[in-house]
Amino acid sequence: MGVIDEFGFPFCVTAHAFNRDKSQVAVCPNSNEVHIYSRGAAQWTLTHELKEHDLLVTSIDWAPQTNRIVT
């Protein structure tokens, strides 16, 4: 991944967080879901969907030492 890497999501992203080595990103598509994308050779691929939230996700943090996601 270069200094600036651009990827267009087909939805509005209201919150995001990268993992420690920037190989994965967690994004919220302005809903109660969190989508986790993994970096492939040339593109991002959806690998997980977290759908258990009751309300809109407004913030995401990905802890670098424990690899845990907090929303």
C-alpha atoms as a PDB file:
ATOM      1  CA  MET A   1       0.000   0.000   0.000  1.00  0.00           C
ATOM      2  CA  GLY A   2       1.375   3.371  -0.981  1.00  0.00           C
ATOM      3  CA  VAL A   3       1.445   6.587   0.986  1.00  0.00           C
ATOM      4  CA  ILE A   4      -1.970   7.453  -0.408  1.00  0.00           C
ATOM      5  CA  ASP A   5      -4.299   4.637  -1.371  1.00  0.00           C
ATOM      6  CA  GLU A   6      -7.815   5.360  -2.585  1.00  0.00           C
ATOM      7  CA  PHE A   7     -10.798   3.035  -2.558  1.00  0.00           C
ATOM      8  CA  GLY A   8     -14.355   4.036  -3.338  1.00  0.00           C
ATOM      9  CA  PHE A   9     -17.004   2.352  -1.223  1.00  0.00           C
ATOM     10  CA  PRO A  10     -20.511   2.149  -2.738  1.00  0.00           C
ATOM     11  CA  PHE A  11     -21.967   3.643   0.463  1.00  0.00           C
ATOM     12  CA  CYS A  12     -21.412   6.498   2.902  1.00  0.00           C
ATOM     13  CA  VAL A  13     -18.746   5.622   5.508  1.00  0.00           C
ATOM     14  CA  THR A  14     -19.532   7.163   8.901  1.00  0.00           C
ATOM     15  CA  ALA A  15     -16.696   5.548  10.897  1.00  0.00           C
ATOM     16  CA  HIS A  16     -13.567   3.539  10.128  1.00  0.00           C
ATOM     17  CA  ALA A  17     -10.456   2.075  11.762  1.00  0.00           C
ATOM     18  CA  PHE A  18      -7.416   0.195  10.442  1.00  0.00           C
ATOM     19  CA  ASN A  19      -5.714  -2.747  12.123  1.00  0.00           C
ATOM     20  CA  ARG A  20      -2.088  -2.485  13.234  1.00  0.00           C
ATOM     21  CA  ASP A  21      -0.416  -3.260   9.890  1.00  0.00           C
ATOM     22  CA  LYS A  22      -3.124  -1.556   7.787  1.00  0.00           C
ATOM     23  CA  SER A  23      -3.984  -4.836   6.028  1.00  0.00           C
ATOM     24  CA  GLN A  24      -7.606  -4.675   7.234  1.00  0.00           C
ATOM     25  CA  VAL A  25     -10.101  -1.884   7.739  1.00  0.00           C
ATOM     26  CA  ALA A  26     -13.388  -1.846   9.669  1.00  0.00           C
ATOM     27  CA  VAL A  27     -15.990   0.544   8.250  1.00  0.00           C
ATOM     28  CA  CYS A  28     -19.531   1.489   9.163  1.00  0.00           C
ATOM     29  CA  PRO A  29     -21.871   2.087   6.203  1.00  0.00           C
ATOM     30  CA  ASN A  30     -24.039   4.573   8.142  1.00  0.00           C
ATOM     31  CA  SER A  31     -26.013   1.771   9.809  1.00  0.00           C
ATOM     32  CA  ASN A  32     -25.868  -0.649  12.732  1.00  0.00           C
ATOM     33  CA  GLU A  33     -23.393  -2.878  10.864  1.00  0.00           C
ATOM     34  CA  VAL A  34     -19.599  -2.961  10.707  1.00  0.00           C
ATOM     35  CA  HIS A  35     -17.917  -4.383   7.593  1.00  0.00           C
ATOM     36  CA  ILE A  36     -14.345  -5.643   7.742  1.00  0.00           C
ATOM     37  CA  TYR A  37     -12.335  -5.554   4.527  1.00  0.00           C
ATOM     38  CA  SER A  38      -8.978  -7.245   3.911  1.00  0.00           C
ATOM     39  CA  ARG A  39      -6.383  -5.968   1.499  1.00  0.00           C
ATOM     40  CA  GLY A  40      -5.704  -8.303  -1.416  1.00  0.00           C
ATOM     41  CA  ALA A  41      -3.159  -7.916  -4.189  1.00  0.00           C
ATOM     42  CA  ALA A  42      -4.863  -4.893  -5.731  1.00  0.00           C
ATOM     43  CA  GLN A  43      -8.203  -4.429  -3.983  1.00  0.00           C
ATOM     44  CA  TRP A  44     -10.128  -4.586  -0.710  1.00  0.00           C
ATOM     45  CA  THR A  45     -12.354  -7.648  -0.161  1.00  0.00           C
ATOM     46  CA  LEU A  46     -15.234  -7.909   2.315  1.00  0.00           C
ATOM     47  CA  THR A  47     -14.295 -10.649   4.806  1.00  0.00           C
ATOM     48  CA  HIS A  48     -16.635 -10.155   7.794  1.00  0.00           C
ATOM     49  CA  GLU A  49     -19.892  -8.416   8.689  1.00  0.00           C
ATOM     50  CA  LEU A  50     -20.741  -7.564  12.297  1.00  0.00           C
ATOM     51  CA  LYS A  51     -24.537  -7.207  12.543  1.00  0.00           C
ATOM     52  CA  GLU A  52     -25.332  -7.453  16.254  1.00  0.00           C
ATOM     53  CA  HIS A  53     -25.519  -3.740  17.105  1.00  0.00           C
ATOM     54  CA  ASP A  54     -28.890  -2.333  18.184  1.00  0.00           C
ATOM     55  CA  LEU A  55     -28.215   1.262  17.153  1.00  0.00           C
ATOM     56  CA  LEU A  56     -26.221   3.241  14.604  1.00  0.00           C
ATOM     57  CA  VAL A  57     -22.460   2.724  14.910  1.00  0.00           C
ATOM     58  CA  THR A  58     -20.893   6.172  15.277  1.00  0.00           C
ATOM     59  CA  SER A  59     -17.277   5.317  16.123  1.00  0.00           C
ATOM     60  CA  ILE A  60     -14.816   2.443  15.664  1.00  0.00           C
ATOM     61  CA  ASP A  61     -11.387   1.806  17.185  1.00  0.00           C
ATOM     62  CA  TRP A  62      -9.081  -1.144  16.495  1.00  0.00           C
ATOM     63  CA  ALA A  63      -6.589  -1.805  19.320  1.00  0.00           C
ATOM     64  CA  PRO A  64      -3.094  -2.438  17.909  1.00  0.00           C
ATOM     65  CA  GLN A  65      -1.829  -4.679  20.733  1.00  0.00           C
ATOM     66  CA  THR A  66      -4.903  -6.852  21.416  1.00  0.00           C
ATOM     67  CA  ASN A  67      -6.394  -6.710  17.886  1.00  0.00           C
ATOM     68  CA  ARG A  68      -9.840  -6.027  19.372  1.00  0.00           C
ATOM     69  CA  ILE A  69     -12.442  -3.807  17.756  1.00  0.00           C
ATOM     70  CA  VAL A  70     -14.442  -1.381  19.887  1.00  0.00           C
ATOM     71  CA  THR A  71     -17.572   0.345  18.571  1.00  0.00           C
END
